[in-house]
């Protein structure tokens, strides 16, 4: 995990560990998300992939197609293809989540559709 740089484009610390680029995967990819208190992963959706999230530590507030849901430690959720989703750490502790997406989009740039910009950092 420490060998993969963090992607912060949608918020949080996202690290794609196992993917076509890193291990030659052909069916999907796997990674981790670390969200500090108050951090978000902005709303987006996947036109080709379903996503599995498993919260290892902490808890995360989810919005799935606008409906609120909580993902507590040691719990998982399936996000079906086409469902808009947003994650936010509303707790006082760091949240650590693992994720898997599949199948792959035909091209990487088609894998995510962003519906919300990243919020400006608090000053």
PDB file of N, CA and C in Angstrom:
ATOM      1  N   UNK A   1       0.823  -1.196   0.000  1.00  0.00           N
ATOM      2  CA  UNK A   1       0.000   0.000   0.000  1.00  0.00           C
ATOM      3  C   UNK A   1       0.866   1.260   0.000  1.00  0.00           C
ATOM      4  N   UNK A   2       1.973   1.215   0.731  1.00  0.00           N
ATOM      5  CA  UNK A   2       2.829   2.395   0.816  1.00  0.00           C
ATOM      6  C   UNK A   2       3.593   2.666  -0.475  1.00  0.00           C
ATOM      7  N   UNK A   3       3.639   1.680  -1.377  1.00  0.00           N
ATOM      8  CA  UNK A   3       4.346   1.853  -2.646  1.00  0.00           C
ATOM      9  C   UNK A   3       3.485   2.521  -3.721  1.00  0.00           C
ATOM     10  N   UNK A   4       2.202   2.707  -3.437  1.00  0.00           N
ATOM     11  CA  UNK A   4       1.279   3.295  -4.416  1.00  0.00           C
ATOM     12  C   UNK A   4       0.975   4.730  -3.993  1.00  0.00           C
ATOM     13  N   UNK A   5       1.128   5.692  -4.905  1.00  0.00           N
ATOM     14  CA  UNK A   5       0.830   7.084  -4.533  1.00  0.00           C
ATOM     15  C   UNK A   5      -0.663   7.298  -4.314  1.00  0.00           C
ATOM     16  N   UNK A   6      -0.965   8.222  -3.431  1.00  0.00           N
ATOM     17  CA  UNK A   6      -2.364   8.572  -3.149  1.00  0.00           C
ATOM     18  C   UNK A   6      -2.955   9.360  -4.311  1.00  0.00           C
ATOM     19  N   UNK A   7      -4.191   9.033  -4.657  1.00  0.00           N
ATOM     20  CA  UNK A   7      -4.965   9.803  -5.621  1.00  0.00           C
ATOM     21  C   UNK A   7      -5.969  10.597  -4.799  1.00  0.00           C
ATOM     22  N   UNK A   8      -5.909  11.921  -4.867  1.00  0.00           N
ATOM     23  CA  UNK A   8      -6.795  12.778  -4.078  1.00  0.00           C
ATOM     24  C   UNK A   8      -7.749  13.586  -4.964  1.00  0.00           C
ATOM     25  N   UNK A   9      -7.860  13.196  -6.234  1.00  0.00           N
ATOM     26  CA  UNK A   9      -8.669  13.957  -7.180  1.00  0.00           C
ATOM     27  C   UNK A   9     -10.136  14.041  -6.767  1.00  0.00           C
ATOM     28  N   UNK A  10     -10.687  13.006  -6.166  1.00  0.00           N
ATOM     29  CA  UNK A  10     -12.081  13.012  -5.714  1.00  0.00           C
ATOM     30  C   UNK A  10     -12.193  13.193  -4.208  1.00  0.00           C
ATOM     31  N   UNK A  11     -11.066  13.377  -3.526  1.00  0.00           N
ATOM     32  CA  UNK A  11     -11.050  13.539  -2.082  1.00  0.00           C
ATOM     33  C   UNK A  11     -10.506  12.313  -1.386  1.00  0.00           C
ATOM     34  N   UNK A  12     -10.117  12.467  -0.132  1.00  0.00           N
ATOM     35  CA  UNK A  12      -9.559  11.367   0.641  1.00  0.00           C
ATOM     36  C   UNK A  12      -8.236  10.896   0.082  1.00  0.00           C
ATOM     37  N   UNK A  13      -7.757   9.787   0.601  1.00  0.00           N
ATOM     38  CA  UNK A  13      -6.504   9.164   0.178  1.00  0.00           C
ATOM     39  C   UNK A  13      -6.882   7.828  -0.453  1.00  0.00           C
ATOM     40  N   UNK A  14      -6.995   7.823  -1.791  1.00  0.00           N
ATOM     41  CA  UNK A  14      -7.385   6.632  -2.537  1.00  0.00           C
ATOM     42  C   UNK A  14      -6.139   6.018  -3.157  1.00  0.00           C
ATOM     43  N   UNK A  15      -5.955   4.718  -2.942  1.00  0.00           N
ATOM     44  CA  UNK A  15      -4.802   4.013  -3.512  1.00  0.00           C
ATOM     45  C   UNK A  15      -5.294   2.770  -4.241  1.00  0.00           C
ATOM     46  N   UNK A  16      -5.081   2.743  -5.540  1.00  0.00           N
ATOM     47  CA  UNK A  16      -5.450   1.585  -6.347  1.00  0.00           C
ATOM     48  C   UNK A  16      -4.278   0.615  -6.324  1.00  0.00           C
ATOM     49  N   UNK A  17      -4.453  -0.492  -5.627  1.00  0.00           N
ATOM     50  CA  UNK A  17      -3.364  -1.435  -5.391  1.00  0.00           C
ATOM     51  C   UNK A  17      -3.238  -2.489  -6.480  1.00  0.00           C
ATOM     52  N   UNK A  18      -4.354  -3.090  -6.864  1.00  0.00           N
ATOM     53  CA  UNK A  18      -4.362  -4.164  -7.850  1.00  0.00           C
ATOM     54  C   UNK A  18      -5.237  -3.722  -9.012  1.00  0.00           C
ATOM     55  N   UNK A  19      -4.629  -3.583 -10.189  1.00  0.00           N
ATOM     56  CA  UNK A  19      -5.343  -3.032 -11.342  1.00  0.00           C
ATOM     57  C   UNK A  19      -4.678  -3.500 -12.631  1.00  0.00           C
ATOM     58  N   UNK A  20      -5.260  -3.155 -13.776  1.00  0.00           N
ATOM     59  CA  UNK A  20      -4.571  -3.470 -15.027  1.00  0.00           C
ATOM     60  C   UNK A  20      -3.161  -2.870 -15.081  1.00  0.00           C
ATOM     61  N   UNK A  21      -3.012  -1.653 -14.566  1.00  0.00           N
ATOM     62  CA  UNK A  21      -1.702  -0.991 -14.617  1.00  0.00           C
ATOM     63  C   UNK A  21      -0.694  -1.580 -13.643  1.00  0.00           C
ATOM     64  N   UNK A  22      -1.152  -2.049 -12.482  1.00  0.00           N
ATOM     65  CA  UNK A  22      -0.195  -2.516 -11.464  1.00  0.00           C
ATOM     66  C   UNK A  22       0.111  -4.001 -11.540  1.00  0.00           C
ATOM     67  N   UNK A  23      -0.898  -4.834 -11.894  1.00  0.00           N
ATOM     68  CA  UNK A  23      -0.674  -6.284 -11.902  1.00  0.00           C
ATOM     69  C   UNK A  23      -1.232  -6.975 -13.149  1.00  0.00           C
ATOM     70  N   UNK A  24      -1.722  -6.192 -14.104  1.00  0.00           N
ATOM     71  CA  UNK A  24      -2.272  -6.781 -15.315  1.00  0.00           C
ATOM     72  C   UNK A  24      -3.662  -7.368 -15.151  1.00  0.00           C
ATOM     73  N   UNK A  25      -4.407  -6.918 -14.140  1.00  0.00           N
ATOM     74  CA  UNK A  25      -5.768  -7.422 -13.913  1.00  0.00           C
ATOM     75  C   UNK A  25      -6.633  -7.197 -15.154  1.00  0.00           C
ATOM     76  N   UNK A  26      -7.545  -8.110 -15.401  1.00  0.00           N
ATOM     77  CA  UNK A  26      -8.418  -7.992 -16.573  1.00  0.00           C
ATOM     78  C   UNK A  26      -9.899  -7.896 -16.220  1.00  0.00           C
ATOM     79  N   UNK A  27     -10.243  -8.066 -14.940  1.00  0.00           N
ATOM     80  CA  UNK A  27     -11.665  -8.088 -14.590  1.00  0.00           C
ATOM     81  C   UNK A  27     -12.098  -6.963 -13.650  1.00  0.00           C
ATOM     82  N   UNK A  28     -11.165  -6.201 -13.092  1.00  0.00           N
ATOM     83  CA  UNK A  28     -11.527  -5.140 -12.169  1.00  0.00           C
ATOM     84  C   UNK A  28     -10.308  -4.622 -11.452  1.00  0.00           C
ATOM     85  N   UNK A  29     -10.556  -3.846 -10.404  1.00  0.00           N
ATOM     86  CA  UNK A  29      -9.444  -3.365  -9.594  1.00  0.00           C
ATOM     87  C   UNK A  29      -9.826  -3.249  -8.127  1.00  0.00           C
ATOM     88  N   UNK A  30      -8.801  -3.203  -7.280  1.00  0.00           N
ATOM     89  CA  UNK A  30      -8.933  -3.259  -5.823  1.00  0.00           C
ATOM     90  C   UNK A  30      -8.056  -2.182  -5.212  1.00  0.00           C
ATOM     91  N   UNK A  31      -8.557  -1.554  -4.146  1.00  0.00           N
ATOM     92  CA  UNK A  31      -7.756  -0.526  -3.504  1.00  0.00           C
ATOM     93  C   UNK A  31      -8.236  -0.187  -2.113  1.00  0.00           C
ATOM     94  N   UNK A  32      -7.658   0.888  -1.594  1.00  0.00           N
ATOM     95  CA  UNK A  32      -7.978   1.355  -0.248  1.00  0.00           C
ATOM     96  C   UNK A  32      -8.354   2.830  -0.272  1.00  0.00           C
ATOM     97  N   UNK A  33      -9.118   3.212   0.724  1.00  0.00           N
ATOM     98  CA  UNK A  33      -9.512   4.606   0.929  1.00  0.00           C
ATOM     99  C   UNK A  33      -9.312   4.925   2.396  1.00  0.00           C
ATOM    100  N   UNK A  34      -8.569   5.990   2.661  1.00  0.00           N
ATOM    101  CA  UNK A  34      -8.434   6.523   4.008  1.00  0.00           C
ATOM    102  C   UNK A  34      -9.094   7.892   4.023  1.00  0.00           C
ATOM    103  N   UNK A  35     -10.048   8.078   4.922  1.00  0.00           N
ATOM    104  CA  UNK A  35     -10.744   9.365   5.062  1.00  0.00           C
ATOM    105  C   UNK A  35     -10.532   9.873   6.478  1.00  0.00           C
ATOM    106  N   UNK A  36      -9.906  11.021   6.579  1.00  0.00           N
ATOM    107  CA  UNK A  36      -9.761  11.686   7.866  1.00  0.00           C
ATOM    108  C   UNK A  36     -11.091  12.344   8.225  1.00  0.00           C
ATOM    109  N   UNK A  37     -11.307  12.679   9.500  1.00  0.00           N
ATOM    110  CA  UNK A  37     -12.550  13.350   9.887  1.00  0.00           C
ATOM    111  C   UNK A  37     -12.810  14.584   9.014  1.00  0.00           C
ATOM    112  N   UNK A  38     -14.022  14.669   8.494  1.00  0.00           N
ATOM    113  CA  UNK A  38     -14.423  15.793   7.656  1.00  0.00           C
ATOM    114  C   UNK A  38     -14.111  15.636   6.183  1.00  0.00           C
ATOM    115  N   UNK A  39     -13.313  14.652   5.792  1.00  0.00           N
ATOM    116  CA  UNK A  39     -12.986  14.467   4.379  1.00  0.00           C
ATOM    117  C   UNK A  39     -14.125  13.766   3.645  1.00  0.00           C
ATOM    118  N   UNK A  40     -14.204  14.013   2.343  1.00  0.00           N
ATOM    119  CA  UNK A  40     -15.217  13.406   1.490  1.00  0.00           C
ATOM    120  C   UNK A  40     -14.572  12.775   0.265  1.00  0.00           C
ATOM    121  N   UNK A  41     -15.289  11.836  -0.338  1.00  0.00           N
ATOM    122  CA  UNK A  41     -15.063  11.420  -1.721  1.00  0.00           C
ATOM    123  C   UNK A  41     -16.288  11.936  -2.450  1.00  0.00           C
ATOM    124  N   UNK A  42     -16.057  12.828  -3.406  1.00  0.00           N
ATOM    125  CA  UNK A  42     -17.155  13.512  -4.073  1.00  0.00           C
ATOM    126  C   UNK A  42     -18.047  12.542  -4.844  1.00  0.00           C
ATOM    127  N   UNK A  43     -19.279  12.985  -5.057  1.00  0.00           N
ATOM    128  CA  UNK A  43     -20.256  12.140  -5.727  1.00  0.00           C
ATOM    129  C   UNK A  43     -19.825  11.834  -7.159  1.00  0.00           C
ATOM    130  N   UNK A  44     -19.998  10.573  -7.515  1.00  0.00           N
ATOM    131  CA  UNK A  44     -19.696  10.090  -8.857  1.00  0.00           C
ATOM    132  C   UNK A  44     -20.465   8.793  -9.082  1.00  0.00           C
ATOM    133  N   UNK A  45     -20.393   8.258 -10.284  1.00  0.00           N
ATOM    134  CA  UNK A  45     -21.004   6.966 -10.580  1.00  0.00           C
ATOM    135  C   UNK A  45     -20.167   6.245 -11.617  1.00  0.00           C
ATOM    136  N   UNK A  46     -20.403   4.940 -11.735  1.00  0.00           N
ATOM    137  CA  UNK A  46     -19.643   4.083 -12.632  1.00  0.00           C
ATOM    138  C   UNK A  46     -20.591   3.501 -13.684  1.00  0.00           C
ATOM    139  N   UNK A  47     -20.407   3.856 -14.957  1.00  0.00           N
ATOM    140  CA  UNK A  47     -21.305   3.357 -15.990  1.00  0.00           C
ATOM    141  C   UNK A  47     -21.089   1.891 -16.369  1.00  0.00           C
ATOM    142  N   UNK A  48     -19.958   1.311 -15.994  1.00  0.00           N
ATOM    143  CA  UNK A  48     -19.657  -0.070 -16.383  1.00  0.00           C
ATOM    144  C   UNK A  48     -19.423  -1.006 -15.204  1.00  0.00           C
ATOM    145  N   UNK A  49     -19.185  -0.469 -14.029  1.00  0.00           N
ATOM    146  CA  UNK A  49     -18.721  -1.290 -12.904  1.00  0.00           C
ATOM    147  C   UNK A  49     -19.632  -1.181 -11.704  1.00  0.00           C
ATOM    148  N   UNK A  50     -19.767  -2.291 -10.978  1.00  0.00           N
ATOM    149  CA  UNK A  50     -20.340  -2.234  -9.643  1.00  0.00           C
ATOM    150  C   UNK A  50     -19.170  -2.115  -8.672  1.00  0.00           C
ATOM    151  N   UNK A  51     -19.449  -1.573  -7.499  1.00  0.00           N
ATOM    152  CA  UNK A  51     -18.384  -1.348  -6.520  1.00  0.00           C
ATOM    153  C   UNK A  51     -18.763  -1.978  -5.189  1.00  0.00           C
ATOM    154  N   UNK A  52     -17.809  -2.677  -4.609  1.00  0.00           N
ATOM    155  CA  UNK A  52     -17.964  -3.241  -3.279  1.00  0.00           C
ATOM    156  C   UNK A  52     -17.111  -2.412  -2.325  1.00  0.00           C
ATOM    157  N   UNK A  53     -17.691  -1.959  -1.212  1.00  0.00           N
ATOM    158  CA  UNK A  53     -16.953  -1.245  -0.173  1.00  0.00           C
ATOM    159  C   UNK A  53     -17.027  -2.053   1.110  1.00  0.00           C
ATOM    160  N   UNK A  54     -15.903  -2.141   1.812  1.00  0.00           N
ATOM    161  CA  UNK A  54     -15.878  -2.782   3.128  1.00  0.00           C
ATOM    162  C   UNK A  54     -15.131  -1.850   4.060  1.00  0.00           C
ATOM    163  N   UNK A  55     -15.811  -1.390   5.110  1.00  0.00           N
ATOM    164  CA  UNK A  55     -15.210  -0.480   6.085  1.00  0.00           C
ATOM    165  C   UNK A  55     -14.462  -1.310   7.129  1.00  0.00           C
ATOM    166  N   UNK A  56     -13.156  -1.152   7.164  1.00  0.00           N
ATOM    167  CA  UNK A  56     -12.326  -1.901   8.099  1.00  0.00           C
ATOM    168  C   UNK A  56     -12.351  -1.216   9.467  1.00  0.00           C
ATOM    169  N   UNK A  57     -12.096   0.095   9.484  1.00  0.00           N
ATOM    170  CA  UNK A  57     -12.070   0.881  10.727  1.00  0.00           C
ATOM    171  C   UNK A  57     -12.832   2.177  10.533  1.00  0.00           C
ATOM    172  N   UNK A  58     -13.398   2.677  11.625  1.00  0.00           N
ATOM    173  CA  UNK A  58     -14.134   3.932  11.575  1.00  0.00           C
ATOM    174  C   UNK A  58     -15.535   3.712  11.033  1.00  0.00           C
ATOM    175  N   UNK A  59     -16.107   4.796  10.524  1.00  0.00           N
ATOM    176  CA  UNK A  59     -17.414   4.690   9.869  1.00  0.00           C
ATOM    177  C   UNK A  59     -17.531   5.823   8.864  1.00  0.00           C
ATOM    178  N   UNK A  60     -18.369   5.595   7.863  1.00  0.00           N
ATOM    179  CA  UNK A  60     -18.500   6.523   6.751  1.00  0.00           C
ATOM    180  C   UNK A  60     -19.980   6.767   6.483  1.00  0.00           C
ATOM    181  N   UNK A  61     -20.337   8.021   6.263  1.00  0.00           N
ATOM    182  CA  UNK A  61     -21.691   8.363   5.831  1.00  0.00           C
ATOM    183  C   UNK A  61     -21.713   8.273   4.309  1.00  0.00           C
ATOM    184  N   UNK A  62     -22.644   7.482   3.781  1.00  0.00           N
ATOM    185  CA  UNK A  62     -22.796   7.309   2.339  1.00  0.00           C
ATOM    186  C   UNK A  62     -24.051   8.012   1.867  1.00  0.00           C
ATOM    187  N   UNK A  63     -24.041   8.428   0.618  1.00  0.00           N
ATOM    188  CA  UNK A  63     -25.260   8.806  -0.092  1.00  0.00           C
ATOM    189  C   UNK A  63     -25.294   7.942  -1.331  1.00  0.00           C
ATOM    190  N   UNK A  64     -26.336   7.161  -1.493  1.00  0.00           N
ATOM    191  CA  UNK A  64     -26.526   6.307  -2.660  1.00  0.00           C
ATOM    192  C   UNK A  64     -27.749   6.806  -3.407  1.00  0.00           C
ATOM    193  N   UNK A  65     -27.529   7.395  -4.588  1.00  0.00           N
ATOM    194  CA  UNK A  65     -28.611   8.055  -5.331  1.00  0.00           C
ATOM    195  C   UNK A  65     -29.374   9.020  -4.427  1.00  0.00           C
ATOM    196  N   UNK A  66     -28.641   9.737  -3.590  1.00  0.00           N
ATOM    197  CA  UNK A  66     -29.220  10.755  -2.717  1.00  0.00           C
ATOM    198  C   UNK A  66     -29.735  10.258  -1.383  1.00  0.00           C
ATOM    199  N   UNK A  67     -29.839   8.949  -1.206  1.00  0.00           N
ATOM    200  CA  UNK A  67     -30.361   8.384   0.042  1.00  0.00           C
ATOM    201  C   UNK A  67     -29.231   8.167   1.046  1.00  0.00           C
ATOM    202  N   UNK A  68     -29.371   8.690   2.275  1.00  0.00           N
ATOM    203  CA  UNK A  68     -28.312   8.519   3.273  1.00  0.00           C
ATOM    204  C   UNK A  68     -28.239   7.094   3.808  1.00  0.00           C
ATOM    205  N   UNK A  69     -27.020   6.695   4.123  1.00  0.00           N
ATOM    206  CA  UNK A  69     -26.768   5.363   4.683  1.00  0.00           C
ATOM    207  C   UNK A  69     -25.452   5.436   5.436  1.00  0.00           C
ATOM    208  N   UNK A  70     -25.313   4.673   6.503  1.00  0.00           N
ATOM    209  CA  UNK A  70     -24.049   4.638   7.233  1.00  0.00           C
ATOM    210  C   UNK A  70     -23.362   3.309   6.993  1.00  0.00           C
ATOM    211  N   UNK A  71     -22.051   3.382   6.801  1.00  0.00           N
ATOM    212  CA  UNK A  71     -21.229   2.186   6.665  1.00  0.00           C
ATOM    213  C   UNK A  71     -20.308   2.146   7.878  1.00  0.00           C
ATOM    214  N   UNK A  72     -20.603   1.227   8.800  1.00  0.00           N
ATOM    215  CA  UNK A  72     -19.839   1.107  10.043  1.00  0.00           C
ATOM    216  C   UNK A  72     -18.673   0.146   9.849  1.00  0.00           C
ATOM    217  N   UNK A  73     -17.751   0.159  10.807  1.00  0.00           N
ATOM    218  CA  UNK A  73     -16.617  -0.765  10.783  1.00  0.00           C
ATOM    219  C   UNK A  73     -17.120  -2.203  10.704  1.00  0.00           C
ATOM    220  N   UNK A  74     -16.425  -3.001   9.897  1.00  0.00           N
ATOM    221  CA  UNK A  74     -16.700  -4.427   9.723  1.00  0.00           C
ATOM    222  C   UNK A  74     -18.001  -4.693   8.979  1.00  0.00           C
ATOM    223  N   UNK A  75     -18.427  -3.689   8.156  1.00  0.00           N
ATOM    224  CA  UNK A  75     -19.631  -3.841   7.348  1.00  0.00           C
ATOM    225  C   UNK A  75     -19.294  -3.498   5.897  1.00  0.00           C
ATOM    226  N   UNK A  76     -20.083  -4.053   4.984  1.00  0.00           N
ATOM    227  CA  UNK A  76     -19.857  -3.819   3.571  1.00  0.00           C
ATOM    228  C   UNK A  76     -21.127  -3.388   2.866  1.00  0.00           C
ATOM    229  N   UNK A  77     -20.954  -2.884   1.642  1.00  0.00           N
ATOM    230  CA  UNK A  77     -22.083  -2.459   0.829  1.00  0.00           C
ATOM    231  C   UNK A  77     -21.733  -2.680  -0.641  1.00  0.00           C
ATOM    232  N   UNK A  78     -22.742  -3.033  -1.427  1.00  0.00           N
ATOM    233  CA  UNK A  78     -22.621  -3.133  -2.874  1.00  0.00           C
ATOM    234  C   UNK A  78     -23.236  -1.885  -3.487  1.00  0.00           C
ATOM    235  N   UNK A  79     -22.498  -1.235  -4.368  1.00  0.00           N
ATOM    236  CA  UNK A  79     -23.014  -0.089  -5.114  1.00  0.00           C
ATOM    237  C   UNK A  79     -23.206  -0.562  -6.560  1.00  0.00           C
ATOM    238  N   UNK A  80     -24.459  -0.738  -6.986  1.00  0.00           N
ATOM    239  CA  UNK A  80     -24.710  -1.247  -8.339  1.00  0.00           C
ATOM    240  C   UNK A  80     -24.246  -0.273  -9.429  1.00  0.00           C
ATOM    241  N   UNK A  81     -24.074  -0.803 -10.623  1.00  0.00           N
ATOM    242  CA  UNK A  81     -23.726   0.011 -11.787  1.00  0.00           C
ATOM    243  C   UNK A  81     -24.742   1.148 -11.910  1.00  0.00           C
ATOM    244  N   UNK A  82     -24.226   2.358 -12.145  1.00  0.00           N
ATOM    245  CA  UNK A  82     -25.087   3.509 -12.396  1.00  0.00           C
ATOM    246  C   UNK A  82     -25.599   4.240 -11.173  1.00  0.00           C
ATOM    247  N   UNK A  83     -25.293   3.762  -9.969  1.00  0.00           N
ATOM    248  CA  UNK A  83     -25.780   4.418  -8.748  1.00  0.00           C
ATOM    249  C   UNK A  83     -24.781   5.513  -8.334  1.00  0.00           C
ATOM    250  N   UNK A  84     -25.291   6.742  -8.237  1.00  0.00           N
ATOM    251  CA  UNK A  84     -24.464   7.855  -7.765  1.00  0.00           C
ATOM    252  C   UNK A  84     -24.118   7.597  -6.303  1.00  0.00           C
ATOM    253  N   UNK A  85     -22.855   7.865  -5.941  1.00  0.00           N
ATOM    254  CA  UNK A  85     -22.463   7.650  -4.546  1.00  0.00           C
ATOM    255  C   UNK A  85     -21.427   8.676  -4.106  1.00  0.00           C
ATOM    256  N   UNK A  86     -21.518   8.990  -2.815  1.00  0.00           N
ATOM    257  CA  UNK A  86     -20.650   9.967  -2.158  1.00  0.00           C
ATOM    258  C   UNK A  86     -20.349   9.425  -0.777  1.00  0.00           C
ATOM    259  N   UNK A  87     -19.117   9.615  -0.302  1.00  0.00           N
ATOM    260  CA  UNK A  87     -18.710   9.158   1.018  1.00  0.00           C
ATOM    261  C   UNK A  87     -18.194  10.342   1.818  1.00  0.00           C
ATOM    262  N   UNK A  88     -18.494  10.355   3.107  1.00  0.00           N
ATOM    263  CA  UNK A  88     -18.002  11.418   3.981  1.00  0.00           C
ATOM    264  C   UNK A  88     -17.719  10.832   5.359  1.00  0.00           C
ATOM    265  N   UNK A  89     -16.595  11.227   5.910  1.00  0.00           N
ATOM    266  CA  UNK A  89     -16.280  10.820   7.274  1.00  0.00           C
ATOM    267  C   UNK A  89     -16.805  11.898   8.209  1.00  0.00           C
ATOM    268  N   UNK A  90     -17.941  11.632   8.837  1.00  0.00           N
ATOM    269  CA  UNK A  90     -18.559  12.587   9.756  1.00  0.00           C
ATOM    270  C   UNK A  90     -18.194  12.286  11.204  1.00  0.00           C
ATOM    271  N   UNK A  91     -17.308  11.316  11.419  1.00  0.00           N
ATOM    272  CA  UNK A  91     -16.916  10.943  12.779  1.00  0.00           C
ATOM    273  C   UNK A  91     -15.618  11.658  13.177  1.00  0.00           C
ATOM    274  N   UNK A  92     -15.170  11.406  14.387  1.00  0.00           N
ATOM    275  CA  UNK A  92     -13.944  12.012  14.902  1.00  0.00           C
ATOM    276  C   UNK A  92     -12.725  11.125  14.697  1.00  0.00           C
ATOM    277  N   UNK A  93     -12.909   9.929  14.103  1.00  0.00           N
ATOM    278  CA  UNK A  93     -11.782   9.024  13.898  1.00  0.00           C
ATOM    279  C   UNK A  93     -11.551   8.761  12.414  1.00  0.00           C
ATOM    280  N   UNK A  94     -10.337   8.384  12.074  1.00  0.00           N
ATOM    281  CA  UNK A  94      -9.989   8.053  10.701  1.00  0.00           C
ATOM    282  C   UNK A  94     -10.750   6.810  10.250  1.00  0.00           C
ATOM    283  N   UNK A  95     -11.285   6.855   9.037  1.00  0.00           N
ATOM    284  CA  UNK A  95     -11.973   5.699   8.454  1.00  0.00           C
ATOM    285  C   UNK A  95     -11.044   5.057   7.420  1.00  0.00           C
ATOM    286  N   UNK A  96     -11.028   3.728   7.413  1.00  0.00           N
ATOM    287  CA  UNK A  96     -10.231   2.970   6.445  1.00  0.00           C
ATOM    288  C   UNK A  96     -11.153   1.974   5.762  1.00  0.00           C
ATOM    289  N   UNK A  97     -11.229   2.081   4.430  1.00  0.00           N
ATOM    290  CA  UNK A  97     -12.162   1.298   3.621  1.00  0.00           C
ATOM    291  C   UNK A  97     -11.385   0.602   2.510  1.00  0.00           C
ATOM    292  N   UNK A  98     -11.753  -0.639   2.199  1.00  0.00           N
ATOM    293  CA  UNK A  98     -11.222  -1.299   1.006  1.00  0.00           C
ATOM    294  C   UNK A  98     -12.340  -1.355  -0.025  1.00  0.00           C
ATOM    295  N   UNK A  99     -11.952  -1.313  -1.312  1.00  0.00           N
ATOM    296  CA  UNK A  99     -12.944  -1.329  -2.374  1.00  0.00           C
ATOM    297  C   UNK A  99     -12.494  -2.219  -3.520  1.00  0.00           C
ATOM    298  N   UNK A 100     -13.486  -2.698  -4.265  1.00  0.00           N
ATOM    299  CA  UNK A 100     -13.243  -3.485  -5.467  1.00  0.00           C
ATOM    300  C   UNK A 100     -14.285  -3.079  -6.487  1.00  0.00           C
ATOM    301  N   UNK A 101     -13.862  -2.870  -7.724  1.00  0.00           N
ATOM    302  CA  UNK A 101     -14.766  -2.535  -8.815  1.00  0.00           C
ATOM    303  C   UNK A 101     -14.590  -3.519  -9.948  1.00  0.00           C
ATOM    304  N   UNK A 102     -15.666  -3.860 -10.606  1.00  0.00           N
ATOM    305  CA  UNK A 102     -15.608  -4.716 -11.777  1.00  0.00           C
ATOM    306  C   UNK A 102     -16.995  -4.807 -12.393  1.00  0.00           C
ATOM    307  N   UNK A 103     -17.119  -5.129 -13.655  1.00  0.00           N
ATOM    308  CA  UNK A 103     -16.018  -5.284 -14.592  1.00  0.00           C
ATOM    309  C   UNK A 103     -15.404  -3.934 -14.953  1.00  0.00           C
ATOM    310  N   UNK A 104     -14.306  -3.997 -15.670  1.00  0.00           N
ATOM    311  CA  UNK A 104     -13.619  -2.782 -16.093  1.00  0.00           C
ATOM    312  C   UNK A 104     -14.400  -2.058 -17.178  1.00  0.00           C
ATOM    313  N   UNK A 105     -14.248  -0.735 -17.217  1.00  0.00           N
ATOM    314  CA  UNK A 105     -14.773   0.058 -18.323  1.00  0.00           C
ATOM    315  C   UNK A 105     -13.918  -0.232 -19.566  1.00  0.00           C
ATOM    316  N   UNK A 106     -14.442   0.022 -20.756  1.00  0.00           N
ATOM    317  CA  UNK A 106     -13.655  -0.230 -21.965  1.00  0.00           C
ATOM    318  C   UNK A 106     -12.335   0.550 -22.010  1.00  0.00           C
ATOM    319  N   UNK A 107     -12.343   1.744 -21.417  1.00  0.00           N
ATOM    320  CA  UNK A 107     -11.123   2.570 -21.300  1.00  0.00           C
ATOM    321  C   UNK A 107     -11.153   3.236 -19.938  1.00  0.00           C
ATOM    322  N   UNK A 108     -10.004   3.442 -19.296  1.00  0.00           N
ATOM    323  CA  UNK A 108      -9.979   4.012 -17.936  1.00  0.00           C
ATOM    324  C   UNK A 108     -10.743   5.329 -17.797  1.00  0.00           C
ATOM    325  N   UNK A 109     -10.662   6.207 -18.790  1.00  0.00           N
ATOM    326  CA  UNK A 109     -11.320   7.513 -18.673  1.00  0.00           C
ATOM    327  C   UNK A 109     -12.848   7.399 -18.694  1.00  0.00           C
ATOM    328  N   UNK A 110     -13.385   6.227 -19.038  1.00  0.00           N
ATOM    329  CA  UNK A 110     -14.835   6.013 -19.042  1.00  0.00           C
ATOM    330  C   UNK A 110     -15.342   5.398 -17.737  1.00  0.00           C
ATOM    331  N   UNK A 111     -14.452   5.132 -16.804  1.00  0.00           N
ATOM    332  CA  UNK A 111     -14.812   4.408 -15.597  1.00  0.00           C
ATOM    333  C   UNK A 111     -15.582   5.189 -14.559  1.00  0.00           C
ATOM    334  N   UNK A 112     -15.390   6.507 -14.500  1.00  0.00           N
ATOM    335  CA  UNK A 112     -16.051   7.345 -13.493  1.00  0.00           C
ATOM    336  C   UNK A 112     -16.730   8.514 -14.178  1.00  0.00           C
ATOM    337  N   UNK A 113     -17.895   8.884 -13.678  1.00  0.00           N
ATOM    338  CA  UNK A 113     -18.578  10.101 -14.105  1.00  0.00           C
ATOM    339  C   UNK A 113     -18.746  10.952 -12.856  1.00  0.00           C
ATOM    340  N   UNK A 114     -18.049  12.072 -12.795  1.00  0.00           N
ATOM    341  CA  UNK A 114     -18.126  12.965 -11.638  1.00  0.00           C
ATOM    342  C   UNK A 114     -19.365  13.831 -11.724  1.00  0.00           C
ATOM    343  N   UNK A 115     -20.072  13.986 -10.595  1.00  0.00           N
ATOM    344  CA  UNK A 115     -21.275  14.812 -10.543  1.00  0.00           C
ATOM    345  C   UNK A 115     -21.155  15.947  -9.534  1.00  0.00           C
ATOM    346  N   UNK A 116     -19.983  16.064  -8.905  1.00  0.00           N
ATOM    347  CA  UNK A 116     -19.778  17.073  -7.863  1.00  0.00           C
ATOM    348  C   UNK A 116     -18.295  17.447  -7.843  1.00  0.00           C
ATOM    349  N   UNK A 117     -17.979  18.738  -7.762  1.00  0.00           N
ATOM    350  CA  UNK A 117     -16.563  19.124  -7.646  1.00  0.00           C
ATOM    351  C   UNK A 117     -16.050  18.869  -6.228  1.00  0.00           C
ATOM    352  N   UNK A 118     -14.747  18.750  -6.109  1.00  0.00           N
ATOM    353  CA  UNK A 118     -14.115  18.605  -4.792  1.00  0.00           C
ATOM    354  C   UNK A 118     -14.281  19.911  -4.024  1.00  0.00           C
ATOM    355  N   UNK A 119     -14.764  19.860  -2.774  1.00  0.00           N
ATOM    356  CA  UNK A 119     -14.936  21.099  -1.999  1.00  0.00           C
ATOM    357  C   UNK A 119     -13.598  21.780  -1.741  1.00  0.00           C
ATOM    358  N   UNK A 120     -13.643  23.088  -1.627  1.00  0.00           N
ATOM    359  CA  UNK A 120     -12.442  23.847  -1.278  1.00  0.00           C
ATOM    360  C   UNK A 120     -12.050  23.505   0.150  1.00  0.00           C
ATOM    361  N   UNK A 121     -10.731  23.397   0.424  1.00  0.00           N
ATOM    362  CA  UNK A 121     -10.310  23.114   1.799  1.00  0.00           C
ATOM    363  C   UNK A 121     -10.682  24.255   2.754  1.00  0.00           C
ATOM    364  N   UNK A 122     -10.998  23.890   3.984  1.00  0.00           N
ATOM    365  CA  UNK A 122     -11.326  24.911   5.002  1.00  0.00           C
ATOM    366  C   UNK A 122     -10.082  25.724   5.301  1.00  0.00           C
ATOM    367  N   UNK A 123     -10.272  26.996   5.534  1.00  0.00           N
ATOM    368  CA  UNK A 123      -9.136  27.885   5.821  1.00  0.00           C
ATOM    369  C   UNK A 123      -9.153  28.327   7.250  1.00  0.00           C
TER     370      UNK A 123
END
